[in-house]
Amino acid sequence: MTFRQGSVWVVRPPPSKAREAALDIVEQVFAGRSLSSALPEVFRHMPDTRERALCQEISYGVFRWWPRLGACLDGLLERPLRERDADIRAAIFIGLYQLGYTRVPAHAAVKETVALSQYCGKPWAKGLINAVLRRFQREGDALLSRADRDEAAAVAHPRWLTRALRDAWPDQWRRIADENNRRPPLSLRVNSRKLSREGYLQTLAEAGFSATAHPHTPEGIILEKPVPVDELPGFAEGLVSVQDGAGQLAAHLLAAKAGERVLDACAAPGGKTTHLLEQQPELDEVVALDIDEERLQLVQENCSRLGLAANLVRADARKTDTWWDGRPFDRVLLDAPCTATGVIRRQPDIKFHRRAKDVPALAAKQEELLDALWGVLAPGGTLLYATCSVLPQENQQQMRSFLSRRPDASERQLKATWGLEVEFGRQILPGTDSMDGFYYALLEKH
């Protein structure tokens, strides 16, 4: 494993233990990588499923609670750590998380975390890590209580996001923050081409899994306890996919008909593409477009596992002259790049990576995508706009702006039992009926 610490590159052997692996992952996220991309690479070196589980628990837990733990760490260090000691900072966070939020015995948490100094090749840090964690053991309650005087630390969200949530949702923001800090459920989508939801629920029951039908999606299932996907009956054979209930709404809202041509823009990793194909096997064509070649490969893998076929295109959706053949699409799904503030419970490192400046930058990209894709939609066609954000700038405000500059566009009101009706479209808040935070608006072209 190779890491950059300040201006220095450091090479370490592949991790063999959970906390070593967690250290590698946390340090990579500190350096700008996402949890979802760092974990698989580290896991390749870890065959032990128990070590993997502990590694994931620690890695995700650190970023779920880092704003609160970071406030405590400021009171535990006499002086800030140097940039090149990001690994030691990561180790301390790992220790603090274990002591503050897990059932790991305190002596084991301290001992194993102190041992990370050797793994880092920095034996000098042994005393520092030990002193910080021992002090947290003694003064943790007081330090956490002091940290909680700050609103952002108390809800474990960065200050800009705490303010944005409170401004957008003055009556619900605290519940949104609490839901963001919970572990998400594992939601499944049954492949309706191969069997019914009732049939798969029976299969799960026979295999010893407890599960319930999702209240808002006809193919949706919520597992009582998350499990690795390779333990799900029939997963490899394409009987079922992992997809949150909110994401499953898209194919039904778009309601593509036989013979129609459909575009799934920003398609990776392919959950909505494959659901569209499962729902309507007689579509003329589904074009799955994405700018990221590596992520587009995930679409292909999902299609192959499910026995489906889409036309995969790697391109920037905004540059229609580079990929569009001139044939209009009857339906367009734009699951737009966004702040992902509705899926923080699944991707807690969003708290670490996102900044307030990202909101207007992403809103500008969304506007460009809407304008470009409106041009490939046939008159009489439908565009479904979606984000996994809870911020109005990316959602209803985006729709208000688009409709004001497009006289050939109108909104089709979504009549539904899920989510909240807002100025334009509907907003699902995180945790509502076990769903992620999601936004949908349906537009018609005259």
Protein backbone atom coordinates (compact mmCIF):
# COMPACT_ATOMS: atom_id res chain seq x y z
CA MET A 1 0.00 0.00 0.00
CA THR A 2 1.32 3.44 -0.95
CA PHE A 3 0.28 6.68 0.73
CA ARG A 4 1.14 10.33 0.46
CA GLN A 5 1.91 12.08 3.75
CA GLY A 6 2.47 15.73 3.03
CA SER A 7 5.20 15.77 0.38
CA VAL A 8 6.45 12.25 1.23
CA TRP A 9 5.32 8.93 -0.26
CA VAL A 10 5.18 6.06 2.22
CA VAL A 11 5.03 2.36 1.34
CA ARG A 12 3.48 -0.14 3.74
CA PRO A 13 2.84 -3.87 3.52
CA PRO A 14 -0.80 -4.91 2.91
CA PRO A 15 -2.76 -4.84 6.17
CA SER A 16 -3.53 -8.15 7.88
CA LYS A 17 -5.64 -6.87 10.78
CA ALA A 18 -8.87 -4.86 10.94
CA ARG A 19 -7.39 -1.77 12.57
CA GLU A 20 -4.43 -1.68 10.18
CA ALA A 21 -6.86 -1.83 7.28
CA ALA A 22 -9.05 0.85 8.87
CA LEU A 23 -5.99 3.05 9.28
CA ASP A 24 -5.16 2.72 5.59
CA ILE A 25 -8.75 3.54 4.63
CA VAL A 26 -9.16 6.51 6.98
CA GLU A 27 -5.85 7.94 5.84
CA GLN A 28 -6.86 7.60 2.18
CA VAL A 29 -10.13 9.41 2.88
CA PHE A 30 -8.19 12.15 4.69
CA ALA A 31 -6.19 12.47 1.45
CA GLY A 32 -9.34 12.89 -0.66
CA ARG A 33 -10.49 9.39 -1.63
CA SER A 34 -14.00 8.11 -0.99
CA LEU A 35 -14.79 5.31 1.45
CA SER A 36 -16.57 3.37 -1.29
CA SER A 37 -13.46 3.29 -3.47
CA ALA A 38 -10.91 2.75 -0.68
CA LEU A 39 -12.61 -0.23 0.99
CA PRO A 40 -12.61 -2.70 -1.92
CA GLU A 41 -8.91 -2.16 -2.61
CA VAL A 42 -7.94 -2.81 1.00
CA PHE A 43 -10.35 -5.76 1.32
CA ARG A 44 -8.56 -7.58 -1.50
CA HIS A 45 -5.81 -8.33 1.02
CA MET A 46 -8.19 -9.44 3.80
CA PRO A 47 -9.93 -12.81 3.35
CA ASP A 48 -11.16 -12.97 6.96
CA THR A 49 -14.79 -11.78 6.97
CA ARG A 50 -14.70 -10.90 10.68
CA GLU A 51 -11.68 -8.66 10.20
CA ARG A 52 -13.42 -7.05 7.22
CA ALA A 53 -16.55 -6.41 9.26
CA LEU A 54 -14.61 -4.74 12.08
CA CYS A 55 -12.59 -2.71 9.59
CA GLN A 56 -15.74 -1.43 7.91
CA GLU A 57 -17.40 -0.67 11.23
CA ILE A 58 -14.43 1.42 12.35
CA SER A 59 -13.85 3.15 9.01
CA TYR A 60 -17.47 4.19 8.56
CA GLY A 61 -17.85 5.04 12.24
CA VAL A 62 -14.90 7.44 12.21
CA PHE A 63 -16.47 9.56 9.47
CA ARG A 64 -19.98 9.25 10.81
CA TRP A 65 -18.82 10.91 14.02
CA TRP A 66 -15.65 12.77 13.06
CA PRO A 67 -17.05 16.32 13.61
CA ARG A 68 -17.85 15.38 17.23
CA LEU A 69 -14.69 13.34 17.79
CA GLY A 70 -12.62 16.06 16.14
CA ALA A 71 -13.95 18.61 18.62
CA CYS A 72 -12.80 16.29 21.42
CA LEU A 73 -9.40 15.75 19.82
CA ASP A 74 -8.77 19.48 19.76
CA GLY A 75 -9.02 19.40 23.56
CA LEU A 76 -6.75 16.38 23.88
CA LEU A 77 -3.73 17.53 21.88
CA GLU A 78 -1.33 20.11 23.27
CA ARG A 79 -0.35 21.07 19.72
CA PRO A 80 -1.74 20.13 16.29
CA LEU A 81 -0.16 17.17 14.52
CA ARG A 82 2.02 17.86 11.52
CA GLU A 83 0.64 17.31 8.02
CA ARG A 84 3.04 14.41 7.49
CA ASP A 85 1.58 12.69 10.56
CA ALA A 86 -1.88 12.24 9.08
CA ASP A 87 -1.48 8.53 9.79
CA ILE A 88 -1.12 9.19 13.52
CA ARG A 89 -4.16 11.46 13.42
CA ALA A 90 -6.08 8.68 11.69
CA ALA A 91 -4.96 6.20 14.36
CA ILE A 92 -6.16 8.48 17.15
CA PHE A 93 -9.57 8.88 15.48
CA ILE A 94 -9.79 5.09 15.23
CA GLY A 95 -9.09 4.78 18.94
CA LEU A 96 -11.53 7.54 19.90
CA TYR A 97 -14.31 5.97 17.85
CA GLN A 98 -13.82 2.59 19.50
CA LEU A 99 -13.82 4.11 22.96
CA GLY A 100 -16.78 6.40 22.35
CA TYR A 101 -19.10 4.39 20.12
CA THR A 102 -18.40 0.65 20.20
CA ARG A 103 -18.50 -2.21 22.65
CA VAL A 104 -14.84 -3.03 22.13
CA PRO A 105 -13.29 -3.37 25.61
CA ALA A 106 -11.38 -0.19 26.42
CA HIS A 107 -8.12 -2.00 27.14
CA ALA A 108 -8.26 -3.74 23.76
CA ALA A 109 -9.15 -0.55 21.92
CA VAL A 110 -6.20 1.29 23.46
CA LYS A 111 -3.70 -1.55 23.08
CA GLU A 112 -4.53 -2.32 19.45
CA THR A 113 -4.64 1.34 18.47
CA VAL A 114 -1.29 2.09 20.11
CA ALA A 115 0.15 -0.82 18.13
CA LEU A 116 -0.68 1.07 14.93
CA SER A 117 2.29 3.33 15.59
CA GLN A 118 4.51 0.37 14.70
CA TYR A 119 2.49 -0.35 11.57
CA CYS A 120 3.00 3.29 10.58
CA GLY A 121 6.74 2.96 11.13
CA LYS A 122 6.56 5.66 13.81
CA PRO A 123 7.34 4.05 17.17
CA TRP A 124 7.83 7.54 18.64
CA ALA A 125 4.03 8.02 18.44
CA LYS A 126 3.28 5.12 20.78
CA GLY A 127 3.37 7.34 23.87
CA LEU A 128 1.34 10.10 22.23
CA ILE A 129 -1.47 7.78 21.10
CA ASN A 130 -1.55 6.04 24.47
CA ALA A 131 -1.67 9.34 26.39
CA VAL A 132 -4.47 10.79 24.23
CA LEU A 133 -6.65 7.68 24.49
CA ARG A 134 -6.05 7.21 28.21
CA ARG A 135 -7.02 10.81 28.80
CA PHE A 136 -10.17 10.32 26.72
CA GLN A 137 -11.01 7.33 28.91
CA ARG A 138 -10.78 9.54 32.00
CA GLU A 139 -12.31 12.75 30.62
CA GLY A 140 -14.42 11.53 27.69
CA ASP A 141 -17.80 12.42 29.16
CA ALA A 142 -16.68 15.93 29.99
CA LEU A 143 -15.01 16.40 26.60
CA LEU A 144 -18.10 15.20 24.73
CA SER A 145 -20.34 17.38 26.86
CA ARG A 146 -18.15 20.39 26.08
CA ALA A 147 -18.14 19.52 22.38
CA ASP A 148 -21.94 19.31 22.38
CA ARG A 149 -22.23 22.94 23.34
CA ASP A 150 -21.45 23.56 19.69
CA GLU A 151 -24.51 22.77 17.58
CA ALA A 152 -22.55 21.33 14.65
CA ALA A 153 -20.45 19.06 16.86
CA ALA A 154 -23.53 17.94 18.78
CA VAL A 155 -25.17 16.61 15.61
CA ALA A 156 -21.84 15.45 14.13
CA HIS A 157 -22.18 17.49 10.92
CA PRO A 158 -19.83 20.12 9.48
CA ARG A 159 -20.90 23.64 10.36
CA TRP A 160 -21.86 24.68 6.81
CA LEU A 161 -24.11 21.66 6.39
CA THR A 162 -25.73 22.08 9.79
CA ARG A 163 -26.62 25.64 8.82
CA ALA A 164 -27.86 24.57 5.38
CA LEU A 165 -30.11 21.86 6.81
CA ARG A 166 -31.55 24.22 9.42
CA ASP A 167 -32.24 26.91 6.79
CA ALA A 168 -33.87 24.46 4.38
CA TRP A 169 -35.82 22.40 6.90
CA PRO A 170 -36.31 24.46 10.09
CA ASP A 171 -38.79 21.98 11.56
CA GLN A 172 -37.12 18.76 10.43
CA TRP A 173 -33.39 19.49 10.30
CA ARG A 174 -32.53 17.86 13.61
CA ARG A 175 -34.31 14.66 12.62
CA ILE A 176 -32.49 14.71 9.27
CA ALA A 177 -29.16 14.98 11.09
CA ASP A 178 -30.10 12.14 13.44
CA GLU A 179 -31.09 9.93 10.51
CA ASN A 180 -27.83 10.74 8.75
CA ASN A 181 -26.00 9.34 11.78
CA ARG A 182 -27.88 6.02 11.78
CA ARG A 183 -26.78 2.88 10.01
CA PRO A 184 -28.86 2.37 6.85
CA PRO A 185 -31.00 -0.69 6.15
CA LEU A 186 -30.25 -3.08 3.31
CA SER A 187 -32.97 -2.65 0.71
CA LEU A 188 -33.40 -5.03 -2.21
CA ARG A 189 -35.17 -4.94 -5.58
CA VAL A 190 -36.56 -8.21 -6.86
CA ASN A 191 -36.04 -8.87 -10.57
CA SER A 192 -39.66 -8.99 -11.74
CA ARG A 193 -38.62 -10.73 -14.96
CA LYS A 194 -37.63 -13.79 -12.97
CA LEU A 195 -39.91 -13.99 -9.93
CA SER A 196 -42.37 -12.10 -7.74
CA ARG A 197 -41.59 -10.22 -4.57
CA GLU A 198 -43.72 -12.70 -2.63
CA GLY A 199 -41.72 -15.54 -4.11
CA TYR A 200 -38.40 -14.01 -3.07
CA LEU A 201 -39.69 -13.18 0.41
CA GLN A 202 -40.49 -16.89 0.74
CA THR A 203 -37.00 -17.76 -0.49
CA LEU A 204 -35.49 -15.44 2.12
CA ALA A 205 -37.63 -16.94 4.88
CA GLU A 206 -36.56 -20.45 3.93
CA ALA A 207 -32.93 -19.34 4.05
CA GLY A 208 -33.40 -17.88 7.54
CA PHE A 209 -33.54 -14.17 6.65
CA SER A 210 -36.14 -11.84 8.16
CA ALA A 211 -37.47 -9.29 5.69
CA THR A 212 -40.51 -7.14 4.93
CA ALA A 213 -42.08 -5.74 1.77
CA HIS A 214 -41.26 -2.10 1.04
CA PRO A 215 -44.36 0.11 1.47
CA HIS A 216 -43.86 2.21 -1.68
CA THR A 217 -42.25 -0.01 -4.31
CA PRO A 218 -43.79 -3.20 -5.74
CA GLU A 219 -40.41 -4.95 -6.05
CA GLY A 220 -38.83 -3.59 -2.85
CA ILE A 221 -37.76 -5.58 0.20
CA ILE A 222 -36.14 -4.39 3.42
CA LEU A 223 -33.89 -6.84 5.21
CA GLU A 224 -34.05 -6.83 8.99
CA LYS A 225 -30.26 -7.21 9.23
CA PRO A 226 -27.79 -6.27 6.47
CA VAL A 227 -25.67 -9.10 5.07
CA PRO A 228 -22.95 -9.34 2.40
CA VAL A 229 -24.57 -9.56 -1.04
CA ASP A 230 -22.95 -12.91 -1.80
CA GLU A 231 -25.00 -14.39 1.05
CA LEU A 232 -28.31 -13.37 -0.56
CA PRO A 233 -30.11 -16.30 -2.20
CA GLY A 234 -29.97 -16.01 -5.98
CA PHE A 235 -27.97 -12.78 -6.07
CA ALA A 236 -25.34 -14.14 -8.46
CA GLU A 237 -28.13 -15.55 -10.64
CA GLY A 238 -29.79 -12.15 -10.98
CA LEU A 239 -32.87 -12.74 -8.84
CA VAL A 240 -32.32 -9.59 -6.82
CA SER A 241 -30.33 -6.34 -6.71
CA VAL A 242 -29.36 -3.99 -3.90
CA GLN A 243 -31.16 -0.67 -4.33
CA ASP A 244 -32.69 1.73 -1.84
CA GLY A 245 -36.45 2.12 -1.97
CA ALA A 246 -36.18 5.77 -2.98
CA GLY A 247 -34.07 4.85 -5.99
CA GLN A 248 -36.60 2.20 -7.01
CA LEU A 249 -39.25 4.88 -7.51
CA ALA A 250 -37.51 6.26 -10.62
CA ALA A 251 -38.45 3.52 -13.09
CA HIS A 252 -42.10 3.66 -12.04
CA LEU A 253 -42.23 7.46 -12.26
CA LEU A 254 -40.68 7.46 -15.73
CA ALA A 255 -43.19 4.78 -16.80
CA ALA A 256 -41.53 3.94 -20.13
CA LYS A 257 -43.72 2.12 -22.65
CA ALA A 258 -43.05 -0.63 -25.17
CA GLY A 259 -41.24 0.61 -28.28
CA GLU A 260 -39.88 3.77 -26.64
CA ARG A 261 -36.29 4.94 -26.63
CA VAL A 262 -35.00 5.80 -23.17
CA LEU A 263 -31.89 7.67 -21.99
CA ASP A 264 -30.47 7.10 -18.53
CA ALA A 265 -28.01 9.96 -18.15
CA CYS A 266 -25.40 9.75 -15.37
CA ALA A 267 -26.32 6.05 -15.25
CA ALA A 268 -23.58 4.45 -13.14
CA PRO A 269 -23.62 2.15 -11.27
CA GLY A 270 -26.71 1.01 -13.16
CA GLY A 271 -29.45 0.42 -10.61
CA LYS A 272 -31.98 2.55 -12.45
CA THR A 273 -30.88 1.35 -15.90
CA THR A 274 -31.48 -2.27 -14.98
CA HIS A 275 -34.76 -1.49 -13.24
CA LEU A 276 -36.03 0.24 -16.39
CA LEU A 277 -35.17 -2.87 -18.41
CA GLU A 278 -36.77 -5.19 -15.86
CA GLN A 279 -39.94 -3.11 -15.84
CA GLN A 280 -40.43 -2.87 -19.60
CA PRO A 281 -38.79 -5.67 -21.61
CA GLU A 282 -40.12 -4.33 -24.93
CA LEU A 283 -38.32 -0.97 -24.99
CA ASP A 284 -36.77 -0.04 -28.32
CA GLU A 285 -33.48 0.90 -26.63
CA VAL A 286 -32.02 2.04 -23.33
CA VAL A 287 -28.91 4.20 -23.62
CA ALA A 288 -26.91 4.23 -20.39
CA LEU A 289 -24.63 7.25 -20.43
CA ASP A 290 -21.89 8.12 -17.96
CA ILE A 291 -18.74 10.21 -18.03
CA ASP A 292 -16.70 7.77 -15.91
CA GLU A 293 -15.45 4.72 -17.82
CA GLU A 294 -14.64 2.74 -14.67
CA ARG A 295 -18.08 3.35 -13.20
CA LEU A 296 -19.71 2.59 -16.55
CA GLN A 297 -18.15 -0.86 -16.26
CA LEU A 298 -20.30 -1.35 -13.15
CA VAL A 299 -23.39 -0.80 -15.32
CA GLN A 300 -22.18 -3.54 -17.64
CA GLU A 301 -21.52 -5.89 -14.73
CA ASN A 302 -25.01 -5.29 -13.33
CA CYS A 303 -26.61 -5.83 -16.74
CA SER A 304 -24.66 -9.05 -17.25
CA ARG A 305 -25.59 -10.44 -13.84
CA LEU A 306 -29.27 -9.69 -14.46
CA GLY A 307 -29.28 -10.91 -18.05
CA LEU A 308 -30.13 -7.49 -19.51
CA ALA A 309 -28.77 -5.39 -22.36
CA ALA A 310 -28.31 -1.64 -22.61
CA ASN A 311 -26.33 0.54 -25.01
CA LEU A 312 -23.47 1.84 -22.86
CA VAL A 313 -21.93 5.16 -23.87
CA ARG A 314 -19.07 6.96 -22.15
CA ALA A 315 -19.42 10.70 -22.64
CA ASP A 316 -20.17 14.00 -20.95
CA ALA A 317 -23.95 14.24 -21.18
CA ARG A 318 -23.70 18.03 -21.59
CA LYS A 319 -21.77 17.68 -24.86
CA THR A 320 -24.54 16.18 -26.95
CA ASP A 321 -22.63 16.71 -30.21
CA THR A 322 -20.11 14.07 -29.08
CA TRP A 323 -22.55 11.22 -28.37
CA TRP A 324 -26.12 11.88 -29.60
CA ASP A 325 -27.08 10.36 -32.97
CA GLY A 326 -29.93 12.81 -33.56
CA ARG A 327 -32.74 10.35 -32.78
CA PRO A 328 -34.92 11.89 -30.03
CA PHE A 329 -35.59 10.05 -26.81
CA ASP A 330 -39.14 9.47 -25.60
CA ARG A 331 -38.03 9.39 -21.95
CA VAL A 332 -34.98 10.82 -20.21
CA LEU A 333 -33.87 10.05 -16.67
CA LEU A 334 -31.46 12.60 -15.26
CA ASP A 335 -30.15 11.40 -11.91
CA ALA A 336 -27.99 14.47 -11.60
CA PRO A 337 -24.64 14.81 -9.83
CA CYS A 338 -25.33 16.46 -6.49
CA THR A 339 -24.05 17.00 -2.95
CA ALA A 340 -25.47 13.58 -1.98
CA THR A 341 -26.72 15.09 1.28
CA GLY A 342 -29.61 12.61 1.28
CA VAL A 343 -27.38 9.52 1.45
CA ILE A 344 -24.95 10.50 4.22
CA ARG A 345 -26.03 7.51 6.29
CA ARG A 346 -24.64 5.29 3.49
CA GLN A 347 -21.65 7.49 2.68
CA PRO A 348 -20.64 9.25 5.91
CA ASP A 349 -17.43 10.56 4.35
CA ILE A 350 -19.65 13.06 2.51
CA LYS A 351 -19.48 15.04 5.74
CA PHE A 352 -15.71 15.18 5.36
CA HIS A 353 -15.44 15.83 1.62
CA ARG A 354 -18.26 18.27 0.88
CA ARG A 355 -17.88 22.04 1.23
CA ALA A 356 -20.39 24.88 1.04
CA LYS A 357 -18.86 26.01 -2.28
CA ASP A 358 -19.83 22.66 -3.82
CA VAL A 359 -23.53 23.55 -3.73
CA PRO A 360 -23.50 26.38 -6.32
CA ALA A 361 -20.91 24.53 -8.42
CA LEU A 362 -23.09 21.41 -8.61
CA ALA A 363 -26.23 23.48 -9.17
CA ALA A 364 -24.53 25.05 -12.20
CA LYS A 365 -23.66 21.59 -13.56
CA GLN A 366 -27.24 20.41 -13.02
CA GLU A 367 -28.51 23.41 -14.97
CA GLU A 368 -26.17 22.62 -17.86
CA LEU A 369 -27.29 18.98 -17.89
CA LEU A 370 -30.97 19.93 -17.88
CA ASP A 371 -30.55 22.34 -20.78
CA ALA A 372 -28.49 19.89 -22.83
CA LEU A 373 -30.71 16.86 -22.28
CA TRP A 374 -33.89 18.82 -22.93
CA GLY A 375 -32.59 19.14 -26.48
CA VAL A 376 -32.47 15.35 -27.03
CA LEU A 377 -36.02 14.81 -25.71
CA ALA A 378 -38.79 14.38 -28.27
CA PRO A 379 -41.81 16.74 -28.19
CA GLY A 380 -44.41 15.05 -26.01
CA GLY A 381 -41.62 13.29 -24.14
CA THR A 382 -40.95 13.13 -20.40
CA LEU A 383 -37.84 13.98 -18.38
CA LEU A 384 -37.51 12.77 -14.79
CA TYR A 385 -35.14 14.90 -12.74
CA ALA A 386 -33.71 13.23 -9.64
CA THR A 387 -31.09 13.91 -7.00
CA CYS A 388 -30.07 12.28 -3.74
CA SER A 389 -29.87 15.72 -2.15
CA VAL A 390 -32.07 17.41 0.44
CA LEU A 391 -30.92 20.95 -0.43
CA PRO A 392 -33.51 23.15 -2.25
CA GLN A 393 -30.83 24.80 -4.42
CA GLU A 394 -30.37 21.48 -6.20
CA ASN A 395 -34.03 20.51 -6.24
CA GLN A 396 -37.13 22.70 -6.29
CA GLN A 397 -35.12 25.87 -6.91
CA GLN A 398 -33.45 24.16 -9.86
CA MET A 399 -36.87 23.26 -11.25
CA ARG A 400 -38.22 26.78 -10.73
CA SER A 401 -35.30 28.22 -12.68
CA PHE A 402 -35.59 25.66 -15.49
CA LEU A 403 -39.34 26.14 -15.97
CA SER A 404 -38.93 29.91 -16.00
CA ARG A 405 -36.52 29.78 -18.95
CA ARG A 406 -38.20 26.95 -20.90
CA PRO A 407 -41.65 27.86 -22.26
CA ASP A 408 -41.91 24.40 -23.87
CA ALA A 409 -41.67 22.70 -20.45
CA SER A 410 -44.27 22.05 -17.80
CA GLU A 411 -44.31 20.11 -14.57
CA ARG A 412 -46.46 17.03 -14.14
CA GLN A 413 -47.49 16.98 -10.50
CA LEU A 414 -46.52 13.82 -8.67
CA LYS A 415 -49.46 12.37 -6.76
CA ALA A 416 -47.92 9.99 -4.25
CA THR A 417 -48.09 8.67 -0.71
CA TRP A 418 -44.34 9.02 -0.23
CA GLY A 419 -42.29 12.11 0.49
CA LEU A 420 -43.26 15.72 0.90
CA GLU A 421 -44.88 17.90 -1.74
CA VAL A 422 -42.68 20.95 -2.29
CA GLU A 423 -42.96 23.89 -4.68
CA PHE A 424 -41.99 21.63 -7.60
CA GLY A 425 -41.72 17.86 -7.29
CA ARG A 426 -41.53 15.75 -4.14
CA GLN A 427 -38.81 15.48 -1.51
CA ILE A 428 -38.06 12.36 0.55
CA LEU A 429 -36.17 13.09 3.75
CA PRO A 430 -33.59 10.56 5.02
CA GLY A 431 -35.07 7.70 7.01
CA THR A 432 -38.68 8.25 5.89
CA ASP A 433 -40.18 4.77 5.48
CA SER A 434 -36.60 3.41 5.58
CA MET A 435 -35.67 5.37 2.43
CA ASP A 436 -32.69 7.56 1.62
CA GLY A 437 -33.12 11.27 1.06
CA PHE A 438 -34.20 11.76 -2.55
CA TYR A 439 -35.88 14.32 -4.80
CA TYR A 440 -37.99 13.81 -7.93
CA ALA A 441 -39.64 16.15 -10.43
CA LEU A 442 -41.34 15.12 -13.68
CA LEU A 443 -41.21 17.45 -16.70
CA GLU A 444 -43.14 17.26 -19.98
CA LYS A 445 -42.01 18.75 -23.28
CA HIS A 446 -44.63 20.48 -25.46
